[in-house]
Amino acid sequence: MRSPTFNDLLGFQPPVIKGSRCSQSALATAGYWAVQKGHALSLRPQRAGVLRVGRGRVWVSLVGPHGHSPTDSGDWVGLPGQTLSIAAGQHAVVEALDSCDASLAWDFA
């Protein structure tokens, strides 16, 4: 039995924007998925995992549980190589912050 892909887990197909300054092929690094500038990606994983930033900067807003400390607002800005743990069923909204697109990978915990 094959392992589920990012698309299987999230039910997501990266959108294609004609005329984008960033080529889709440049973003489609093996094992990573594009998040295009100006688009949000809504995640609600069935199993806990780790979101890994491959390219660009991303802003992730988590919907509970968070706020256990003054520095835990539920918002996270990720840079290439950084990771964020997301609990099973936790809702996360991801957006690209740079003028170009970002790329993400998902690993099950």
PDB file of N, CA and C in Angstrom:
ATOM      1  N   MET A   1       0.839  -1.177   0.000  1.00  0.00           N
ATOM      2  CA  MET A   1       0.000   0.000   0.000  1.00  0.00           C
ATOM      3  C   MET A   1       0.885   1.241   0.000  1.00  0.00           C
ATOM      4  N   ARG A   2       0.584   2.192  -0.857  1.00  0.00           N
ATOM      5  CA  ARG A   2       1.408   3.389  -0.942  1.00  0.00           C
ATOM      6  C   ARG A   2       1.090   4.359   0.196  1.00  0.00           C
ATOM      7  N   SER A   3       2.062   5.178   0.543  1.00  0.00           N
ATOM      8  CA  SER A   3       1.853   6.220   1.546  1.00  0.00           C
ATOM      9  C   SER A   3       1.012   7.325   0.933  1.00  0.00           C
ATOM     10  N   PRO A   4       0.160   7.973   1.744  1.00  0.00           N
ATOM     11  CA  PRO A   4      -0.647   9.068   1.196  1.00  0.00           C
ATOM     12  C   PRO A   4       0.250  10.235   0.795  1.00  0.00           C
ATOM     13  N   THR A   5      -0.125  10.896  -0.276  1.00  0.00           N
ATOM     14  CA  THR A   5       0.612  12.074  -0.725  1.00  0.00           C
ATOM     15  C   THR A   5       0.046  13.309  -0.052  1.00  0.00           C
ATOM     16  N   PHE A   6       0.741  14.428  -0.235  1.00  0.00           N
ATOM     17  CA  PHE A   6       0.275  15.719   0.272  1.00  0.00           C
ATOM     18  C   PHE A   6      -1.129  16.001  -0.257  1.00  0.00           C
ATOM     19  N   ASN A   7      -1.351  15.714  -1.555  1.00  0.00           N
ATOM     20  CA  ASN A   7      -2.671  15.927  -2.145  1.00  0.00           C
ATOM     21  C   ASN A   7      -3.725  15.045  -1.495  1.00  0.00           C
ATOM     22  N   ASP A   8      -3.396  13.769  -1.235  1.00  0.00           N
ATOM     23  CA  ASP A   8      -4.340  12.862  -0.590  1.00  0.00           C
ATOM     24  C   ASP A   8      -4.718  13.388   0.788  1.00  0.00           C
ATOM     25  N   LEU A   9      -3.718  13.810   1.542  1.00  0.00           N
ATOM     26  CA  LEU A   9      -3.924  14.262   2.904  1.00  0.00           C
ATOM     27  C   LEU A   9      -4.790  15.505   2.958  1.00  0.00           C
ATOM     28  N   LEU A  10      -4.535  16.437   2.068  1.00  0.00           N
ATOM     29  CA  LEU A  10      -5.172  17.740   2.155  1.00  0.00           C
ATOM     30  C   LEU A  10      -6.279  17.969   1.136  1.00  0.00           C
ATOM     31  N   GLY A  11      -6.382  17.069   0.159  1.00  0.00           N
ATOM     32  CA  GLY A  11      -7.369  17.270  -0.882  1.00  0.00           C
ATOM     33  C   GLY A  11      -7.070  18.528  -1.688  1.00  0.00           C
ATOM     34  N   PHE A  12      -5.799  18.797  -1.941  1.00  0.00           N
ATOM     35  CA  PHE A  12      -5.359  20.053  -2.542  1.00  0.00           C
ATOM     36  C   PHE A  12      -4.633  19.811  -3.845  1.00  0.00           C
ATOM     37  N   GLN A  13      -4.966  20.590  -4.848  1.00  0.00           N
ATOM     38  CA  GLN A  13      -4.212  20.636  -6.096  1.00  0.00           C
ATOM     39  C   GLN A  13      -3.703  22.059  -6.224  1.00  0.00           C
ATOM     40  N   PRO A  14      -2.391  22.279  -6.357  1.00  0.00           N
ATOM     41  CA  PRO A  14      -1.888  23.642  -6.469  1.00  0.00           C
ATOM     42  C   PRO A  14      -2.536  24.369  -7.644  1.00  0.00           C
ATOM     43  N   PRO A  15      -3.031  25.599  -7.413  1.00  0.00           N
ATOM     44  CA  PRO A  15      -3.643  26.333  -8.513  1.00  0.00           C
ATOM     45  C   PRO A  15      -2.594  26.763  -9.531  1.00  0.00           C
ATOM     46  N   VAL A  16      -3.003  26.915 -10.761  1.00  0.00           N
ATOM     47  CA  VAL A  16      -2.098  27.385 -11.804  1.00  0.00           C
ATOM     48  C   VAL A  16      -2.603  28.743 -12.261  1.00  0.00           C
ATOM     49  N   ILE A  17      -1.738  29.740 -12.221  1.00  0.00           N
ATOM     50  CA  ILE A  17      -2.106  31.083 -12.641  1.00  0.00           C
ATOM     51  C   ILE A  17      -1.338  31.393 -13.916  1.00  0.00           C
ATOM     52  N   LYS A  18      -2.052  31.634 -14.996  1.00  0.00           N
ATOM     53  CA  LYS A  18      -1.391  31.955 -16.264  1.00  0.00           C
ATOM     54  C   LYS A  18      -0.740  33.318 -16.146  1.00  0.00           C
ATOM     55  N   GLY A  19       0.455  33.435 -16.692  1.00  0.00           N
ATOM     56  CA  GLY A  19       1.160  34.695 -16.681  1.00  0.00           C
ATOM     57  C   GLY A  19       1.881  34.981 -15.376  1.00  0.00           C
ATOM     58  N   SER A  20       1.933  34.024 -14.475  1.00  0.00           N
ATOM     59  CA  SER A  20       2.645  34.215 -13.212  1.00  0.00           C
ATOM     60  C   SER A  20       4.126  34.427 -13.482  1.00  0.00           C
ATOM     61  N   ARG A  21       4.745  35.343 -12.738  1.00  0.00           N
ATOM     62  CA  ARG A  21       6.168  35.605 -12.905  1.00  0.00           C
ATOM     63  C   ARG A  21       7.002  34.413 -12.470  1.00  0.00           C
ATOM     64  N   CYS A  22       6.466  33.545 -11.667  1.00  0.00           N
ATOM     65  CA  CYS A  22       7.192  32.392 -11.149  1.00  0.00           C
ATOM     66  C   CYS A  22       6.725  31.159 -11.904  1.00  0.00           C
ATOM     67  N   SER A  23       7.632  30.431 -12.475  1.00  0.00           N
ATOM     68  CA  SER A  23       7.229  29.247 -13.219  1.00  0.00           C
ATOM     69  C   SER A  23       6.874  28.120 -12.267  1.00  0.00           C
ATOM     70  N   GLN A  24       5.856  27.381 -12.603  1.00  0.00           N
ATOM     71  CA  GLN A  24       5.413  26.257 -11.780  1.00  0.00           C
ATOM     72  C   GLN A  24       6.520  25.219 -11.656  1.00  0.00           C
ATOM     73  N   SER A  25       7.283  25.007 -12.739  1.00  0.00           N
ATOM     74  CA  SER A  25       8.328  23.990 -12.701  1.00  0.00           C
ATOM     75  C   SER A  25       9.428  24.362 -11.717  1.00  0.00           C
ATOM     76  N   ALA A  26       9.705  25.642 -11.566  1.00  0.00           N
ATOM     77  CA  ALA A  26      10.738  26.070 -10.620  1.00  0.00           C
ATOM     78  C   ALA A  26      10.300  25.807  -9.186  1.00  0.00           C
ATOM     79  N   LEU A  27       8.997  25.829  -8.952  1.00  0.00           N
ATOM     80  CA  LEU A  27       8.488  25.633  -7.598  1.00  0.00           C
ATOM     81  C   LEU A  27       8.242  24.174  -7.271  1.00  0.00           C
ATOM     82  N   ALA A  28       8.081  23.355  -8.281  1.00  0.00           N
ATOM     83  CA  ALA A  28       7.713  21.964  -8.066  1.00  0.00           C
ATOM     84  C   ALA A  28       8.937  21.125  -7.719  1.00  0.00           C
ATOM     85  N   THR A  29       9.650  21.542  -6.698  1.00  0.00           N
ATOM     86  CA  THR A  29      10.789  20.785  -6.204  1.00  0.00           C
ATOM     87  C   THR A  29      10.274  19.444  -5.700  1.00  0.00           C
ATOM     88  N   ALA A  30      11.005  18.390  -5.940  1.00  0.00           N
ATOM     89  CA  ALA A  30      10.559  17.050  -5.555  1.00  0.00           C
ATOM     90  C   ALA A  30      10.119  17.009  -4.102  1.00  0.00           C
ATOM     91  N   GLY A  31       8.903  16.556  -3.857  1.00  0.00           N
ATOM     92  CA  GLY A  31       8.380  16.413  -2.513  1.00  0.00           C
ATOM     93  C   GLY A  31       7.765  17.676  -1.936  1.00  0.00           C
ATOM     94  N   TYR A  32       7.770  18.769  -2.677  1.00  0.00           N
ATOM     95  CA  TYR A  32       7.218  20.038  -2.196  1.00  0.00           C
ATOM     96  C   TYR A  32       6.057  20.468  -3.082  1.00  0.00           C
ATOM     97  N   TRP A  33       5.172  21.280  -2.510  1.00  0.00           N
ATOM     98  CA  TRP A  33       4.002  21.769  -3.220  1.00  0.00           C
ATOM     99  C   TRP A  33       3.993  23.287  -3.172  1.00  0.00           C
ATOM    100  N   ALA A  34       3.564  23.906  -4.266  1.00  0.00           N
ATOM    101  CA  ALA A  34       3.555  25.363  -4.375  1.00  0.00           C
ATOM    102  C   ALA A  34       2.358  25.973  -3.655  1.00  0.00           C
ATOM    103  N   VAL A  35       2.609  27.109  -3.012  1.00  0.00           N
ATOM    104  CA  VAL A  35       1.553  27.968  -2.482  1.00  0.00           C
ATOM    105  C   VAL A  35       1.760  29.305  -3.178  1.00  0.00           C
ATOM    106  N   GLN A  36       0.829  29.673  -4.023  1.00  0.00           N
ATOM    107  CA  GLN A  36       1.011  30.867  -4.829  1.00  0.00           C
ATOM    108  C   GLN A  36       0.652  32.135  -4.070  1.00  0.00           C
ATOM    109  N   LYS A  37       1.431  33.174  -4.308  1.00  0.00           N
ATOM    110  CA  LYS A  37       1.198  34.477  -3.707  1.00  0.00           C
ATOM    111  C   LYS A  37      -0.223  34.913  -4.014  1.00  0.00           C
ATOM    112  N   GLY A  38      -0.919  35.402  -2.996  1.00  0.00           N
ATOM    113  CA  GLY A  38      -2.290  35.856  -3.177  1.00  0.00           C
ATOM    114  C   GLY A  38      -3.331  34.776  -2.959  1.00  0.00           C
ATOM    115  N   HIS A  39      -2.888  33.535  -2.683  1.00  0.00           N
ATOM    116  CA  HIS A  39      -3.802  32.423  -2.427  1.00  0.00           C
ATOM    117  C   HIS A  39      -3.541  31.883  -1.030  1.00  0.00           C
ATOM    118  N   ALA A  40      -4.588  31.420  -0.381  1.00  0.00           N
ATOM    119  CA  ALA A  40      -4.448  30.782   0.925  1.00  0.00           C
ATOM    120  C   ALA A  40      -4.689  29.289   0.773  1.00  0.00           C
ATOM    121  N   LEU A  41      -3.981  28.518   1.558  1.00  0.00           N
ATOM    122  CA  LEU A  41      -4.134  27.069   1.590  1.00  0.00           C
ATOM    123  C   LEU A  41      -4.666  26.704   2.970  1.00  0.00           C
ATOM    124  N   SER A  42      -5.813  26.062   3.018  1.00  0.00           N
ATOM    125  CA  SER A  42      -6.429  25.655   4.277  1.00  0.00           C
ATOM    126  C   SER A  42      -6.110  24.188   4.532  1.00  0.00           C
ATOM    127  N   LEU A  43      -5.487  23.903   5.672  1.00  0.00           N
ATOM    128  CA  LEU A  43      -5.103  22.542   6.036  1.00  0.00           C
ATOM    129  C   LEU A  43      -5.872  22.095   7.271  1.00  0.00           C
ATOM    130  N   ARG A  44      -6.311  20.854   7.265  1.00  0.00           N
ATOM    131  CA  ARG A  44      -6.922  20.228   8.440  1.00  0.00           C
ATOM    132  C   ARG A  44      -6.524  18.753   8.393  1.00  0.00           C
ATOM    133  N   PRO A  45      -5.262  18.458   8.760  1.00  0.00           N
ATOM    134  CA  PRO A  45      -4.758  17.088   8.605  1.00  0.00           C
ATOM    135  C   PRO A  45      -5.492  16.086   9.492  1.00  0.00           C
ATOM    136  N   GLN A  46      -5.657  14.890   8.979  1.00  0.00           N
ATOM    137  CA  GLN A  46      -6.298  13.821   9.747  1.00  0.00           C
ATOM    138  C   GLN A  46      -5.341  13.206  10.749  1.00  0.00           C
ATOM    139  N   ARG A  47      -4.028  13.341  10.470  1.00  0.00           N
ATOM    140  CA  ARG A  47      -2.995  12.842  11.389  1.00  0.00           C
ATOM    141  C   ARG A  47      -2.030  13.973  11.687  1.00  0.00           C
ATOM    142  N   ALA A  48      -1.470  13.971  12.890  1.00  0.00           N
ATOM    143  CA  ALA A  48      -0.487  14.992  13.259  1.00  0.00           C
ATOM    144  C   ALA A  48       0.703  14.919  12.320  1.00  0.00           C
ATOM    145  N   GLY A  49       1.318  16.062  12.083  1.00  0.00           N
ATOM    146  CA  GLY A  49       2.470  16.086  11.203  1.00  0.00           C
ATOM    147  C   GLY A  49       3.268  17.358  11.346  1.00  0.00           C
ATOM    148  N   VAL A  50       4.221  17.492  10.441  1.00  0.00           N
ATOM    149  CA  VAL A  50       5.125  18.633  10.462  1.00  0.00           C
ATOM    150  C   VAL A  50       5.105  19.284   9.081  1.00  0.00           C
ATOM    151  N   LEU A  51       4.832  20.580   9.058  1.00  0.00           N
ATOM    152  CA  LEU A  51       4.865  21.375   7.839  1.00  0.00           C
ATOM    153  C   LEU A  51       6.273  21.934   7.695  1.00  0.00           C
ATOM    154  N   ARG A  52       6.902  21.726   6.535  1.00  0.00           N
ATOM    155  CA  ARG A  52       8.280  22.175   6.293  1.00  0.00           C
ATOM    156  C   ARG A  52       8.284  23.197   5.163  1.00  0.00           C
ATOM    157  N   VAL A  53       8.915  24.339   5.390  1.00  0.00           N
ATOM    158  CA  VAL A  53       9.024  25.376   4.358  1.00  0.00           C
ATOM    159  C   VAL A  53      10.222  25.058   3.476  1.00  0.00           C
ATOM    160  N   GLY A  54       9.991  24.967   2.184  1.00  0.00           N
ATOM    161  CA  GLY A  54      11.070  24.676   1.250  1.00  0.00           C
ATOM    162  C   GLY A  54      11.623  25.929   0.595  1.00  0.00           C
ATOM    163  N   ARG A  55      10.741  26.823   0.200  1.00  0.00           N
ATOM    164  CA  ARG A  55      11.134  28.038  -0.513  1.00  0.00           C
ATOM    165  C   ARG A  55      10.213  29.177  -0.105  1.00  0.00           C
ATOM    166  N   GLY A  56      10.764  30.389  -0.050  1.00  0.00           N
ATOM    167  CA  GLY A  56       9.964  31.561   0.279  1.00  0.00           C
ATOM    168  C   GLY A  56       9.656  31.640   1.768  1.00  0.00           C
ATOM    169  N   ARG A  57       8.866  32.632   2.114  1.00  0.00           N
ATOM    170  CA  ARG A  57       8.392  32.783   3.494  1.00  0.00           C
ATOM    171  C   ARG A  57       6.898  32.533   3.509  1.00  0.00           C
ATOM    172  N   VAL A  58       6.415  31.901   4.570  1.00  0.00           N
ATOM    173  CA  VAL A  58       4.983  31.647   4.705  1.00  0.00           C
ATOM    174  C   VAL A  58       4.477  32.183   6.031  1.00  0.00           C
ATOM    175  N   TRP A  59       3.218  32.536   6.029  1.00  0.00           N
ATOM    176  CA  TRP A  59       2.522  32.948   7.243  1.00  0.00           C
ATOM    177  C   TRP A  59       1.472  31.883   7.497  1.00  0.00           C
ATOM    178  N   VAL A  60       1.509  31.287   8.676  1.00  0.00           N
ATOM    179  CA  VAL A  60       0.562  30.252   9.058  1.00  0.00           C
ATOM    180  C   VAL A  60      -0.256  30.754  10.240  1.00  0.00           C
ATOM    181  N   SER A  61      -1.567  30.708  10.108  1.00  0.00           N
ATOM    182  CA  SER A  61      -2.476  31.033  11.209  1.00  0.00           C
ATOM    183  C   SER A  61      -3.111  29.733  11.675  1.00  0.00           C
ATOM    184  N   LEU A  62      -2.926  29.424  12.956  1.00  0.00           N
ATOM    185  CA  LEU A  62      -3.478  28.204  13.537  1.00  0.00           C
ATOM    186  C   LEU A  62      -4.749  28.526  14.303  1.00  0.00           C
ATOM    187  N   VAL A  63      -5.754  27.679  14.108  1.00  0.00           N
ATOM    188  CA  VAL A  63      -6.998  27.801  14.854  1.00  0.00           C
ATOM    189  C   VAL A  63      -6.924  26.816  16.001  1.00  0.00           C
ATOM    190  N   GLY A  64      -6.790  27.279  17.232  1.00  0.00           N
ATOM    191  CA  GLY A  64      -6.723  26.523  18.462  1.00  0.00           C
ATOM    192  C   GLY A  64      -6.078  25.146  18.343  1.00  0.00           C
ATOM    193  N   PRO A  65      -5.586  24.589  19.403  1.00  0.00           N
ATOM    194  CA  PRO A  65      -5.358  25.310  20.650  1.00  0.00           C
ATOM    195  C   PRO A  65      -4.047  26.092  20.589  1.00  0.00           C
ATOM    196  N   HIS A  66      -4.096  27.313  21.042  1.00  0.00           N
ATOM    197  CA  HIS A  66      -2.908  28.140  21.179  1.00  0.00           C
ATOM    198  C   HIS A  66      -3.229  29.223  22.194  1.00  0.00           C
ATOM    199  N   GLY A  67      -2.287  30.132  22.415  1.00  0.00           N
ATOM    200  CA  GLY A  67      -2.528  31.202  23.362  1.00  0.00           C
ATOM    201  C   GLY A  67      -2.213  30.847  24.796  1.00  0.00           C
ATOM    202  N   HIS A  68      -1.391  29.805  24.992  1.00  0.00           N
ATOM    203  CA  HIS A  68      -1.044  29.397  26.354  1.00  0.00           C
ATOM    204  C   HIS A  68       0.000  30.312  26.980  1.00  0.00           C
ATOM    205  N   SER A  69       0.638  31.151  26.161  1.00  0.00           N
ATOM    206  CA  SER A  69       1.609  32.117  26.667  1.00  0.00           C
ATOM    207  C   SER A  69       1.473  33.395  25.846  1.00  0.00           C
ATOM    208  N   PRO A  70       1.983  34.518  26.346  1.00  0.00           N
ATOM    209  CA  PRO A  70       1.852  35.776  25.609  1.00  0.00           C
ATOM    210  C   PRO A  70       2.513  35.749  24.231  1.00  0.00           C
ATOM    211  N   THR A  71       3.512  34.886  24.027  1.00  0.00           N
ATOM    212  CA  THR A  71       4.184  34.828  22.731  1.00  0.00           C
ATOM    213  C   THR A  71       3.541  33.819  21.783  1.00  0.00           C
ATOM    214  N   ASP A  72       2.503  33.115  22.226  1.00  0.00           N
ATOM    215  CA  ASP A  72       1.851  32.087  21.420  1.00  0.00           C
ATOM    216  C   ASP A  72       0.511  32.618  20.905  1.00  0.00           C
ATOM    217  N   SER A  73       0.567  33.367  19.798  1.00  0.00           N
ATOM    218  CA  SER A  73      -0.639  34.001  19.263  1.00  0.00           C
ATOM    219  C   SER A  73      -1.397  33.115  18.291  1.00  0.00           C
ATOM    220  N   GLY A  74      -0.762  32.036  17.849  1.00  0.00           N
ATOM    221  CA  GLY A  74      -1.376  31.191  16.835  1.00  0.00           C
ATOM    222  C   GLY A  74      -0.936  31.552  15.434  1.00  0.00           C
ATOM    223  N   ASP A  75      -0.131  32.608  15.305  1.00  0.00           N
ATOM    224  CA  ASP A  75       0.423  32.994  14.008  1.00  0.00           C
ATOM    225  C   ASP A  75       1.904  32.653  13.995  1.00  0.00           C
ATOM    226  N   TRP A  76       2.379  32.180  12.836  1.00  0.00           N
ATOM    227  CA  TRP A  76       3.780  31.766  12.703  1.00  0.00           C
ATOM    228  C   TRP A  76       4.282  32.161  11.331  1.00  0.00           C
ATOM    229  N   VAL A  77       5.459  32.768  11.273  1.00  0.00           N
ATOM    230  CA  VAL A  77       6.111  33.072  10.000  1.00  0.00           C
ATOM    231  C   VAL A  77       7.260  32.094   9.842  1.00  0.00           C
ATOM    232  N   GLY A  78       7.235  31.327   8.758  1.00  0.00           N
ATOM    233  CA  GLY A  78       8.252  30.311   8.518  1.00  0.00           C
ATOM    234  C   GLY A  78       9.166  30.682   7.379  1.00  0.00           C
ATOM    235  N   LEU A  79      10.438  30.371   7.566  1.00  0.00           N
ATOM    236  CA  LEU A  79      11.483  30.604   6.569  1.00  0.00           C
ATOM    237  C   LEU A  79      11.932  29.260   6.004  1.00  0.00           C
ATOM    238  N   PRO A  80      12.615  29.254   4.864  1.00  0.00           N
ATOM    239  CA  PRO A  80      13.076  27.986   4.295  1.00  0.00           C
ATOM    240  C   PRO A  80      13.854  27.140   5.306  1.00  0.00           C
ATOM    241  N   GLY A  81      13.473  25.870   5.384  1.00  0.00           N
ATOM    242  CA  GLY A  81      14.117  24.939   6.306  1.00  0.00           C
ATOM    243  C   GLY A  81      13.446  24.846   7.663  1.00  0.00           C
ATOM    244  N   GLN A  82      12.594  25.800   8.004  1.00  0.00           N
ATOM    245  CA  GLN A  82      11.918  25.751   9.301  1.00  0.00           C
ATOM    246  C   GLN A  82      10.699  24.845   9.229  1.00  0.00           C
ATOM    247  N   THR A  83      10.313  24.330  10.403  1.00  0.00           N
ATOM    248  CA  THR A  83       9.178  23.411  10.482  1.00  0.00           C
ATOM    249  C   THR A  83       8.190  23.870  11.545  1.00  0.00           C
ATOM    250  N   LEU A  84       6.948  23.424  11.388  1.00  0.00           N
ATOM    251  CA  LEU A  84       5.881  23.712  12.347  1.00  0.00           C
ATOM    252  C   LEU A  84       5.076  22.442  12.546  1.00  0.00           C
ATOM    253  N   SER A  85       4.915  22.033  13.796  1.00  0.00           N
ATOM    254  CA  SER A  85       4.085  20.857  14.114  1.00  0.00           C
ATOM    255  C   SER A  85       2.628  21.270  14.117  1.00  0.00           C
ATOM    256  N   ILE A  86       1.797  20.434  13.501  1.00  0.00           N
ATOM    257  CA  ILE A  86       0.360  20.675  13.450  1.00  0.00           C
ATOM    258  C   ILE A  86      -0.336  19.419  13.946  1.00  0.00           C
ATOM    259  N   ALA A  87      -1.234  19.599  14.900  1.00  0.00           N
ATOM    260  CA  ALA A  87      -1.946  18.473  15.509  1.00  0.00           C
ATOM    261  C   ALA A  87      -3.015  17.930  14.560  1.00  0.00           C
ATOM    262  N   ALA A  88      -3.381  16.680  14.754  1.00  0.00           N
ATOM    263  CA  ALA A  88      -4.460  16.079  13.972  1.00  0.00           C
ATOM    264  C   ALA A  88      -5.730  16.891  14.185  1.00  0.00           C
ATOM    265  N   GLY A  89      -6.393  17.257  13.094  1.00  0.00           N
ATOM    266  CA  GLY A  89      -7.638  18.007  13.166  1.00  0.00           C
ATOM    267  C   GLY A  89      -7.476  19.503  13.372  1.00  0.00           C
ATOM    268  N   GLN A  90      -6.262  19.957  13.651  1.00  0.00           N
ATOM    269  CA  GLN A  90      -6.038  21.387  13.868  1.00  0.00           C
ATOM    270  C   GLN A  90      -6.118  22.114  12.524  1.00  0.00           C
ATOM    271  N   HIS A  91      -6.816  23.222  12.494  1.00  0.00           N
ATOM    272  CA  HIS A  91      -6.982  23.985  11.264  1.00  0.00           C
ATOM    273  C   HIS A  91      -5.848  24.995  11.136  1.00  0.00           C
ATOM    274  N   ALA A  92      -5.170  24.984   9.992  1.00  0.00           N
ATOM    275  CA  ALA A  92      -4.088  25.925   9.708  1.00  0.00           C
ATOM    276  C   ALA A  92      -4.343  26.551   8.347  1.00  0.00           C
ATOM    277  N   VAL A  93      -4.137  27.863   8.264  1.00  0.00           N
ATOM    278  CA  VAL A  93      -4.256  28.585   6.996  1.00  0.00           C
ATOM    279  C   VAL A  93      -2.873  29.099   6.641  1.00  0.00           C
ATOM    280  N   VAL A  94      -2.400  28.769   5.425  1.00  0.00           N
ATOM    281  CA  VAL A  94      -1.042  29.096   4.998  1.00  0.00           C
ATOM    282  C   VAL A  94      -1.101  30.064   3.819  1.00  0.00           C
ATOM    283  N   GLU A  95      -0.272  31.104   3.883  1.00  0.00           N
ATOM    284  CA  GLU A  95      -0.157  32.069   2.784  1.00  0.00           C
ATOM    285  C   GLU A  95       1.304  32.333   2.488  1.00  0.00           C
ATOM    286  N   ALA A  96       1.633  32.573   1.212  1.00  0.00           N
ATOM    287  CA  ALA A  96       2.986  32.965   0.824  1.00  0.00           C
ATOM    288  C   ALA A  96       3.149  34.452   1.130  1.00  0.00           C
ATOM    289  N   LEU A  97       4.308  34.825   1.686  1.00  0.00           N
ATOM    290  CA  LEU A  97       4.548  36.222   2.054  1.00  0.00           C
ATOM    291  C   LEU A  97       5.392  36.988   1.049  1.00  0.00           C
ATOM    292  N   ASP A  98       6.219  36.312   0.287  1.00  0.00           N
ATOM    293  CA  ASP A  98       7.126  37.007  -0.625  1.00  0.00           C
ATOM    294  C   ASP A  98       6.424  37.377  -1.921  1.00  0.00           C
ATOM    295  N   SER A  99       7.135  38.130  -2.763  1.00  0.00           N
ATOM    296  CA  SER A  99       6.564  38.550  -4.045  1.00  0.00           C
ATOM    297  C   SER A  99       6.389  37.364  -4.987  1.00  0.00           C
ATOM    298  N   CYS A 100       7.049  36.255  -4.675  1.00  0.00           N
ATOM    299  CA  CYS A 100       6.923  35.046  -5.471  1.00  0.00           C
ATOM    300  C   CYS A 100       6.235  33.980  -4.617  1.00  0.00           C
ATOM    301  N   ASP A 101       6.080  32.796  -5.154  1.00  0.00           N
ATOM    302  CA  ASP A 101       5.395  31.723  -4.454  1.00  0.00           C
ATOM    303  C   ASP A 101       6.299  31.063  -3.423  1.00  0.00           C
ATOM    304  N   ALA A 102       5.711  30.245  -2.582  1.00  0.00           N
ATOM    305  CA  ALA A 102       6.436  29.465  -1.586  1.00  0.00           C
ATOM    306  C   ALA A 102       6.203  27.998  -1.863  1.00  0.00           C
ATOM    307  N   SER A 103       7.005  27.144  -1.231  1.00  0.00           N
ATOM    308  CA  SER A 103       6.781  25.699  -1.359  1.00  0.00           C
ATOM    309  C   SER A 103       6.823  25.069   0.026  1.00  0.00           C
ATOM    310  N   LEU A 104       6.024  24.010   0.176  1.00  0.00           N
ATOM    311  CA  LEU A 104       5.847  23.326   1.460  1.00  0.00           C
ATOM    312  C   LEU A 104       5.944  21.826   1.278  1.00  0.00           C
ATOM    313  N   ALA A 105       6.356  21.159   2.342  1.00  0.00           N
ATOM    314  CA  ALA A 105       6.312  19.699   2.397  1.00  0.00           C
ATOM    315  C   ALA A 105       5.597  19.302   3.668  1.00  0.00           C
ATOM    316  N   TRP A 106       5.052  18.102   3.675  1.00  0.00           N
ATOM    317  CA  TRP A 106       4.328  17.586   4.841  1.00  0.00           C
ATOM    318  C   TRP A 106       4.922  16.228   5.215  1.00  0.00           C
ATOM    319  N   ASP A 107       5.250  16.078   6.492  1.00  0.00           N
ATOM    320  CA  ASP A 107       5.729  14.795   7.029  1.00  0.00           C
ATOM    321  C   ASP A 107       4.820  14.397   8.177  1.00  0.00           C
ATOM    322  N   PHE A 108       4.374  13.142   8.185  1.00  0.00           N
ATOM    323  CA  PHE A 108       3.567  12.672   9.315  1.00  0.00           C
ATOM    324  C   PHE A 108       4.445  12.581  10.562  1.00  0.00           C
ATOM    325  N   ALA A 109       3.854  12.887  11.700  1.00  0.00           N
ATOM    326  CA  ALA A 109       4.603  12.833  12.967  1.00  0.00           C
ATOM    327  C   ALA A 109       4.778  11.403  13.396  1.00  0.00           C
TER     328      ALA A 109
END
